[in-house]
Amino acid sequence: MKSGGCLCGAVRYELRGASTSVTYCHCAMCRRWHGHVGAYAAVDRTDLVIVQPLSLKWHASSPNVRRGFCAECGSSLFFDDATDGKVGFCAGTLDEPTDLRSKAHIFVASKGDYYELGDDGLLRLDGSP
């Protein structure tokens, strides 16, 4: 079982299922949410257990999508799309060792003009998978 949490420790979670890959989202919304690219991994919604929700807040960022964050320290934590049965967690919030591996870049057509994507060999999609 893996665990993770926010910067200040007010929100902690456990993953009861396996997640092995990270997808980097370059859409404008994720860049604003994270201050740069969003790095997400996902598990089935039933495999995410919030064990310490002291300051977990949710923001409805678009229809059917909400984003979870710590209201105390501001850490971005979760991406929950109600239409697919999975919940994404921000890869950087997982305690190490993560055992995660990079898989893909999505919304590459929307990436910021202030950075370049090197040739990392990962799958690249102009939109979502």
N, C-alpha and C. Protein backbone atom coordinates (compact mmCIF):
# COMPACT_ATOMS: atom_id res chain seq x y z
N MET A 1 0.85 -1.18 0.00
CA MET A 1 0.00 0.00 0.00
C MET A 1 0.89 1.24 0.00
N LYS A 2 0.51 2.21 -0.79
CA LYS A 2 1.24 3.47 -0.87
C LYS A 2 0.47 4.54 -0.11
N SER A 3 1.19 5.59 0.31
CA SER A 3 0.54 6.70 1.00
C SER A 3 1.14 8.01 0.53
N GLY A 4 0.42 9.08 0.81
CA GLY A 4 0.90 10.40 0.43
C GLY A 4 0.14 11.47 1.18
N GLY A 5 0.43 12.72 0.86
CA GLY A 5 -0.25 13.81 1.54
C GLY A 5 0.24 15.17 1.09
N CYS A 6 -0.30 16.16 1.74
CA CYS A 6 0.03 17.55 1.40
C CYS A 6 1.31 18.00 2.11
N LEU A 7 1.73 19.20 1.82
CA LEU A 7 2.96 19.76 2.37
C LEU A 7 2.92 19.89 3.89
N CYS A 8 1.80 20.34 4.44
CA CYS A 8 1.74 20.58 5.89
C CYS A 8 1.30 19.36 6.69
N GLY A 9 0.84 18.30 6.02
CA GLY A 9 0.43 17.08 6.71
C GLY A 9 -1.02 17.04 7.16
N ALA A 10 -1.79 18.07 6.87
CA ALA A 10 -3.19 18.10 7.29
C ALA A 10 -4.06 17.15 6.48
N VAL A 11 -3.62 16.78 5.28
CA VAL A 11 -4.35 15.82 4.45
C VAL A 11 -3.40 14.66 4.15
N ARG A 12 -3.87 13.44 4.44
CA ARG A 12 -3.11 12.23 4.14
C ARG A 12 -4.04 11.25 3.43
N TYR A 13 -3.47 10.47 2.53
CA TYR A 13 -4.27 9.48 1.81
C TYR A 13 -3.48 8.19 1.65
N GLU A 14 -4.22 7.11 1.36
CA GLU A 14 -3.62 5.82 1.06
C GLU A 14 -4.19 5.32 -0.26
N LEU A 15 -3.36 4.59 -0.99
CA LEU A 15 -3.78 3.97 -2.24
C LEU A 15 -3.85 2.47 -2.01
N ARG A 16 -5.03 1.90 -2.16
CA ARG A 16 -5.22 0.47 -1.94
C ARG A 16 -5.00 -0.31 -3.24
N GLY A 17 -4.93 0.38 -4.36
CA GLY A 17 -4.70 -0.27 -5.64
C GLY A 17 -3.39 0.22 -6.24
N ALA A 18 -2.96 -0.46 -7.27
CA ALA A 18 -1.68 -0.12 -7.89
C ALA A 18 -1.85 0.98 -8.93
N SER A 19 -0.91 1.86 -8.95
CA SER A 19 -0.81 2.88 -9.99
C SER A 19 0.66 2.93 -10.37
N THR A 20 0.94 2.82 -11.66
CA THR A 20 2.34 2.70 -12.06
C THR A 20 2.81 3.79 -13.00
N SER A 21 1.89 4.54 -13.60
CA SER A 21 2.34 5.49 -14.62
C SER A 21 1.88 6.91 -14.35
N VAL A 22 2.72 7.85 -14.79
CA VAL A 22 2.45 9.27 -14.62
C VAL A 22 2.18 9.88 -15.99
N THR A 23 1.13 10.68 -16.06
CA THR A 23 0.81 11.45 -17.25
C THR A 23 1.00 12.91 -16.93
N TYR A 24 1.67 13.62 -17.84
CA TYR A 24 1.93 15.05 -17.67
C TYR A 24 0.91 15.83 -18.47
N CYS A 25 0.12 16.65 -17.80
CA CYS A 25 -0.92 17.44 -18.48
C CYS A 25 -0.43 18.87 -18.67
N HIS A 26 -0.49 19.33 -19.93
CA HIS A 26 -0.01 20.66 -20.29
C HIS A 26 -1.15 21.64 -20.56
N CYS A 27 -2.39 21.29 -20.20
CA CYS A 27 -3.51 22.19 -20.47
C CYS A 27 -3.39 23.46 -19.61
N ALA A 28 -4.05 24.51 -20.06
CA ALA A 28 -3.97 25.79 -19.36
C ALA A 28 -4.51 25.69 -17.93
N MET A 29 -5.56 24.89 -17.73
CA MET A 29 -6.14 24.78 -16.39
C MET A 29 -5.17 24.11 -15.42
N CYS A 30 -4.53 23.04 -15.85
CA CYS A 30 -3.55 22.37 -14.97
C CYS A 30 -2.35 23.26 -14.70
N ARG A 31 -1.91 24.00 -15.72
CA ARG A 31 -0.78 24.90 -15.49
C ARG A 31 -1.13 25.97 -14.47
N ARG A 32 -2.34 26.47 -14.49
CA ARG A 32 -2.75 27.46 -13.47
C ARG A 32 -2.91 26.80 -12.10
N TRP A 33 -3.43 25.59 -12.07
CA TRP A 33 -3.66 24.87 -10.82
C TRP A 33 -2.35 24.55 -10.12
N HIS A 34 -1.34 24.14 -10.89
CA HIS A 34 -0.06 23.70 -10.32
C HIS A 34 1.04 24.74 -10.40
N GLY A 35 0.87 25.76 -11.22
CA GLY A 35 1.94 26.71 -11.45
C GLY A 35 2.87 26.24 -12.56
N HIS A 36 2.60 25.08 -13.11
CA HIS A 36 3.34 24.52 -14.25
C HIS A 36 2.57 23.27 -14.69
N VAL A 37 3.24 22.32 -15.24
CA VAL A 37 2.63 21.10 -15.75
C VAL A 37 2.06 20.27 -14.60
N GLY A 38 0.90 19.66 -14.82
CA GLY A 38 0.34 18.74 -13.84
C GLY A 38 0.89 17.34 -14.07
N ALA A 39 1.39 16.69 -13.04
CA ALA A 39 1.89 15.31 -13.13
C ALA A 39 0.96 14.43 -12.31
N TYR A 40 0.17 13.60 -13.01
CA TYR A 40 -0.86 12.80 -12.36
C TYR A 40 -0.65 11.32 -12.57
N ALA A 41 -1.01 10.55 -11.58
CA ALA A 41 -1.20 9.11 -11.71
C ALA A 41 -2.63 8.86 -11.25
N ALA A 42 -3.19 7.70 -11.57
CA ALA A 42 -4.59 7.46 -11.24
C ALA A 42 -4.81 6.07 -10.68
N VAL A 43 -5.86 5.97 -9.87
CA VAL A 43 -6.32 4.69 -9.33
C VAL A 43 -7.84 4.66 -9.43
N ASP A 44 -8.42 3.48 -9.29
CA ASP A 44 -9.87 3.40 -9.20
C ASP A 44 -10.32 4.22 -8.00
N ARG A 45 -11.44 4.90 -8.15
CA ARG A 45 -11.94 5.79 -7.09
C ARG A 45 -12.05 5.05 -5.75
N THR A 46 -12.44 3.79 -5.78
CA THR A 46 -12.61 3.02 -4.54
C THR A 46 -11.27 2.66 -3.89
N ASP A 47 -10.17 2.82 -4.62
CA ASP A 47 -8.85 2.50 -4.09
C ASP A 47 -8.14 3.68 -3.44
N LEU A 48 -8.75 4.85 -3.49
CA LEU A 48 -8.21 6.03 -2.81
C LEU A 48 -8.94 6.19 -1.48
N VAL A 49 -8.20 6.16 -0.39
CA VAL A 49 -8.79 6.32 0.94
C VAL A 49 -8.16 7.56 1.58
N ILE A 50 -9.00 8.54 1.89
CA ILE A 50 -8.52 9.74 2.58
C ILE A 50 -8.50 9.40 4.07
N VAL A 51 -7.31 9.27 4.64
CA VAL A 51 -7.20 8.84 6.04
C VAL A 51 -7.12 10.03 6.99
N GLN A 52 -6.76 11.17 6.49
CA GLN A 52 -6.70 12.38 7.31
C GLN A 52 -7.18 13.55 6.46
N PRO A 53 -8.47 13.88 6.54
CA PRO A 53 -9.06 14.90 5.67
C PRO A 53 -9.18 16.28 6.32
N LEU A 54 -8.36 16.59 7.32
CA LEU A 54 -8.56 17.79 8.14
C LEU A 54 -8.85 19.05 7.34
N SER A 55 -8.12 19.30 6.28
CA SER A 55 -8.36 20.53 5.53
C SER A 55 -8.52 20.28 4.04
N LEU A 56 -9.00 19.08 3.67
CA LEU A 56 -9.25 18.78 2.26
C LEU A 56 -10.46 19.56 1.77
N LYS A 57 -10.27 20.31 0.72
CA LYS A 57 -11.35 21.06 0.08
C LYS A 57 -11.41 20.65 -1.39
N TRP A 58 -12.59 20.79 -1.98
CA TRP A 58 -12.79 20.44 -3.38
C TRP A 58 -13.26 21.67 -4.15
N HIS A 59 -12.74 21.82 -5.35
CA HIS A 59 -13.13 22.91 -6.25
C HIS A 59 -13.67 22.30 -7.53
N ALA A 60 -14.90 22.66 -7.91
CA ALA A 60 -15.48 22.20 -9.18
C ALA A 60 -14.87 23.04 -10.30
N SER A 61 -13.89 22.47 -10.99
CA SER A 61 -13.15 23.24 -12.00
C SER A 61 -13.81 23.22 -13.36
N SER A 62 -14.66 22.25 -13.63
CA SER A 62 -15.40 22.16 -14.88
C SER A 62 -16.51 21.13 -14.68
N PRO A 63 -17.44 21.04 -15.62
CA PRO A 63 -18.52 20.06 -15.45
C PRO A 63 -17.96 18.65 -15.23
N ASN A 64 -18.44 17.98 -14.22
CA ASN A 64 -18.05 16.61 -13.87
C ASN A 64 -16.64 16.46 -13.31
N VAL A 65 -15.91 17.55 -13.15
CA VAL A 65 -14.54 17.47 -12.65
C VAL A 65 -14.38 18.35 -11.41
N ARG A 66 -13.75 17.76 -10.40
CA ARG A 66 -13.41 18.53 -9.21
C ARG A 66 -11.96 18.26 -8.87
N ARG A 67 -11.34 19.25 -8.23
CA ARG A 67 -9.93 19.15 -7.86
C ARG A 67 -9.82 19.32 -6.35
N GLY A 68 -9.08 18.41 -5.73
CA GLY A 68 -8.91 18.44 -4.28
C GLY A 68 -7.60 19.09 -3.90
N PHE A 69 -7.64 19.89 -2.84
CA PHE A 69 -6.45 20.60 -2.37
C PHE A 69 -6.52 20.78 -0.87
N CYS A 70 -5.39 21.09 -0.27
CA CYS A 70 -5.34 21.38 1.16
C CYS A 70 -5.62 22.86 1.37
N ALA A 71 -6.64 23.16 2.14
CA ALA A 71 -6.99 24.56 2.41
C ALA A 71 -5.99 25.23 3.34
N GLU A 72 -5.16 24.45 4.01
CA GLU A 72 -4.17 25.02 4.94
C GLU A 72 -2.90 25.45 4.21
N CYS A 73 -2.29 24.54 3.46
CA CYS A 73 -1.00 24.85 2.81
C CYS A 73 -1.13 25.10 1.31
N GLY A 74 -2.28 24.77 0.72
CA GLY A 74 -2.52 25.02 -0.70
C GLY A 74 -2.06 23.92 -1.64
N SER A 75 -1.55 22.81 -1.12
CA SER A 75 -1.07 21.74 -2.00
C SER A 75 -2.18 21.20 -2.88
N SER A 76 -1.90 21.07 -4.17
CA SER A 76 -2.80 20.40 -5.11
C SER A 76 -2.65 18.90 -4.88
N LEU A 77 -3.78 18.20 -4.76
CA LEU A 77 -3.72 16.78 -4.41
C LEU A 77 -4.41 15.85 -5.40
N PHE A 78 -5.65 16.17 -5.80
CA PHE A 78 -6.47 15.22 -6.55
C PHE A 78 -7.16 15.85 -7.75
N PHE A 79 -7.42 15.00 -8.75
CA PHE A 79 -8.20 15.35 -9.93
C PHE A 79 -9.25 14.26 -10.06
N ASP A 80 -10.51 14.62 -9.87
CA ASP A 80 -11.59 13.63 -9.84
C ASP A 80 -12.59 13.91 -10.96
N ASP A 81 -12.56 13.07 -11.99
CA ASP A 81 -13.49 13.16 -13.12
C ASP A 81 -14.60 12.15 -12.87
N ALA A 82 -15.80 12.63 -12.62
CA ALA A 82 -16.92 11.76 -12.24
C ALA A 82 -17.35 10.80 -13.35
N THR A 83 -16.86 10.99 -14.56
CA THR A 83 -17.32 10.17 -15.68
C THR A 83 -16.50 8.92 -15.93
N ASP A 84 -15.36 8.74 -15.27
CA ASP A 84 -14.52 7.59 -15.65
C ASP A 84 -14.20 6.60 -14.54
N GLY A 85 -14.67 6.79 -13.32
CA GLY A 85 -14.44 5.82 -12.25
C GLY A 85 -13.06 5.84 -11.64
N LYS A 86 -12.23 6.77 -12.08
CA LYS A 86 -10.87 6.88 -11.55
C LYS A 86 -10.68 8.24 -10.90
N VAL A 87 -9.69 8.31 -10.04
CA VAL A 87 -9.30 9.59 -9.45
C VAL A 87 -7.79 9.72 -9.64
N GLY A 88 -7.39 10.90 -10.10
CA GLY A 88 -5.97 11.17 -10.27
C GLY A 88 -5.42 11.79 -8.99
N PHE A 89 -4.19 11.46 -8.69
CA PHE A 89 -3.51 12.11 -7.57
C PHE A 89 -2.24 12.73 -8.12
N CYS A 90 -1.84 13.84 -7.54
CA CYS A 90 -0.63 14.53 -7.99
C CYS A 90 0.57 13.69 -7.58
N ALA A 91 1.35 13.28 -8.56
CA ALA A 91 2.44 12.34 -8.34
C ALA A 91 3.43 12.82 -7.29
N GLY A 92 3.67 14.11 -7.22
CA GLY A 92 4.62 14.65 -6.26
C GLY A 92 4.16 14.59 -4.82
N THR A 93 2.90 14.23 -4.59
CA THR A 93 2.39 14.14 -3.22
C THR A 93 2.52 12.73 -2.64
N LEU A 94 2.93 11.77 -3.47
CA LEU A 94 3.07 10.39 -3.02
C LEU A 94 4.40 10.24 -2.27
N ASP A 95 4.35 9.54 -1.13
CA ASP A 95 5.56 9.27 -0.37
C ASP A 95 6.48 8.35 -1.18
N GLU A 96 7.79 8.54 -1.03
CA GLU A 96 8.75 7.72 -1.76
C GLU A 96 9.07 6.45 -0.98
N PRO A 97 9.40 5.35 -1.64
CA PRO A 97 9.54 5.24 -3.08
C PRO A 97 8.17 5.14 -3.75
N THR A 98 8.01 5.82 -4.87
CA THR A 98 6.71 5.85 -5.54
C THR A 98 6.49 4.68 -6.48
N ASP A 99 7.54 4.15 -7.06
CA ASP A 99 7.46 3.10 -8.08
C ASP A 99 6.69 3.55 -9.32
N LEU A 100 6.56 4.84 -9.52
CA LEU A 100 5.88 5.38 -10.70
C LEU A 100 6.87 5.59 -11.84
N ARG A 101 6.37 5.48 -13.07
CA ARG A 101 7.17 5.73 -14.26
C ARG A 101 6.40 6.66 -15.19
N SER A 102 7.11 7.53 -15.86
CA SER A 102 6.50 8.46 -16.80
C SER A 102 5.94 7.71 -18.00
N LYS A 103 4.73 8.12 -18.44
CA LYS A 103 4.05 7.43 -19.53
C LYS A 103 3.76 8.33 -20.72
N ALA A 104 3.20 9.53 -20.49
CA ALA A 104 2.73 10.34 -21.62
C ALA A 104 2.62 11.81 -21.26
N HIS A 105 2.57 12.63 -22.30
CA HIS A 105 2.24 14.05 -22.21
C HIS A 105 0.90 14.23 -22.90
N ILE A 106 -0.04 14.93 -22.25
CA ILE A 106 -1.33 15.21 -22.89
C ILE A 106 -1.55 16.72 -22.98
N PHE A 107 -2.44 17.10 -23.87
CA PHE A 107 -2.73 18.50 -24.17
C PHE A 107 -1.46 19.25 -24.56
N VAL A 108 -0.61 18.58 -25.32
CA VAL A 108 0.64 19.18 -25.78
C VAL A 108 0.37 20.41 -26.64
N ALA A 109 -0.73 20.40 -27.39
CA ALA A 109 -1.07 21.55 -28.24
C ALA A 109 -1.37 22.79 -27.41
N SER A 110 -1.65 22.62 -26.12
CA SER A 110 -1.98 23.74 -25.24
C SER A 110 -0.83 24.12 -24.32
N LYS A 111 0.32 23.52 -24.49
CA LYS A 111 1.43 23.77 -23.56
C LYS A 111 1.82 25.25 -23.54
N GLY A 112 2.40 25.66 -22.45
CA GLY A 112 2.83 27.04 -22.31
C GLY A 112 3.94 27.39 -23.27
N ASP A 113 4.03 28.67 -23.60
CA ASP A 113 5.07 29.12 -24.54
C ASP A 113 6.40 29.39 -23.85
N TYR A 114 6.46 29.18 -22.56
CA TYR A 114 7.67 29.50 -21.78
C TYR A 114 8.58 28.29 -21.55
N TYR A 115 8.23 27.14 -22.11
CA TYR A 115 9.08 25.96 -21.95
C TYR A 115 9.01 25.09 -23.20
N GLU A 116 10.01 24.25 -23.34
CA GLU A 116 10.09 23.30 -24.46
C GLU A 116 10.00 21.89 -23.91
N LEU A 117 9.46 21.01 -24.73
CA LEU A 117 9.45 19.59 -24.39
C LEU A 117 10.60 18.92 -25.10
N GLY A 118 11.50 18.36 -24.35
CA GLY A 118 12.60 17.63 -24.96
C GLY A 118 12.12 16.29 -25.51
N ASP A 119 12.97 15.60 -26.21
CA ASP A 119 12.64 14.30 -26.76
C ASP A 119 12.86 13.24 -25.69
N ASP A 120 11.82 12.99 -24.89
CA ASP A 120 11.93 12.03 -23.80
C ASP A 120 11.40 10.65 -24.16
N GLY A 121 10.91 10.48 -25.39
CA GLY A 121 10.42 9.19 -25.84
C GLY A 121 9.03 8.83 -25.36
N LEU A 122 8.37 9.73 -24.63
CA LEU A 122 7.02 9.45 -24.12
C LEU A 122 5.97 9.74 -25.19
N LEU A 123 4.84 9.06 -25.09
CA LEU A 123 3.70 9.32 -25.94
C LEU A 123 3.28 10.78 -25.79
N ARG A 124 2.91 11.43 -26.91
CA ARG A 124 2.45 12.82 -26.88
C ARG A 124 1.11 12.92 -27.58
N LEU A 125 0.14 13.52 -26.90
CA LEU A 125 -1.19 13.71 -27.47
C LEU A 125 -1.54 15.19 -27.43
N ASP A 126 -2.18 15.68 -28.49
CA ASP A 126 -2.58 17.08 -28.52
C ASP A 126 -3.74 17.37 -27.57
N GLY A 127 -4.54 16.35 -27.26
CA GLY A 127 -5.66 16.49 -26.34
C GLY A 127 -5.57 15.42 -25.26
N SER A 128 -6.74 14.95 -24.83
CA SER A 128 -6.76 13.91 -23.80
C SER A 128 -6.78 12.52 -24.45
N PRO A 129 -6.42 11.50 -23.69
CA PRO A 129 -6.41 10.14 -24.26
C PRO A 129 -7.81 9.62 -24.54
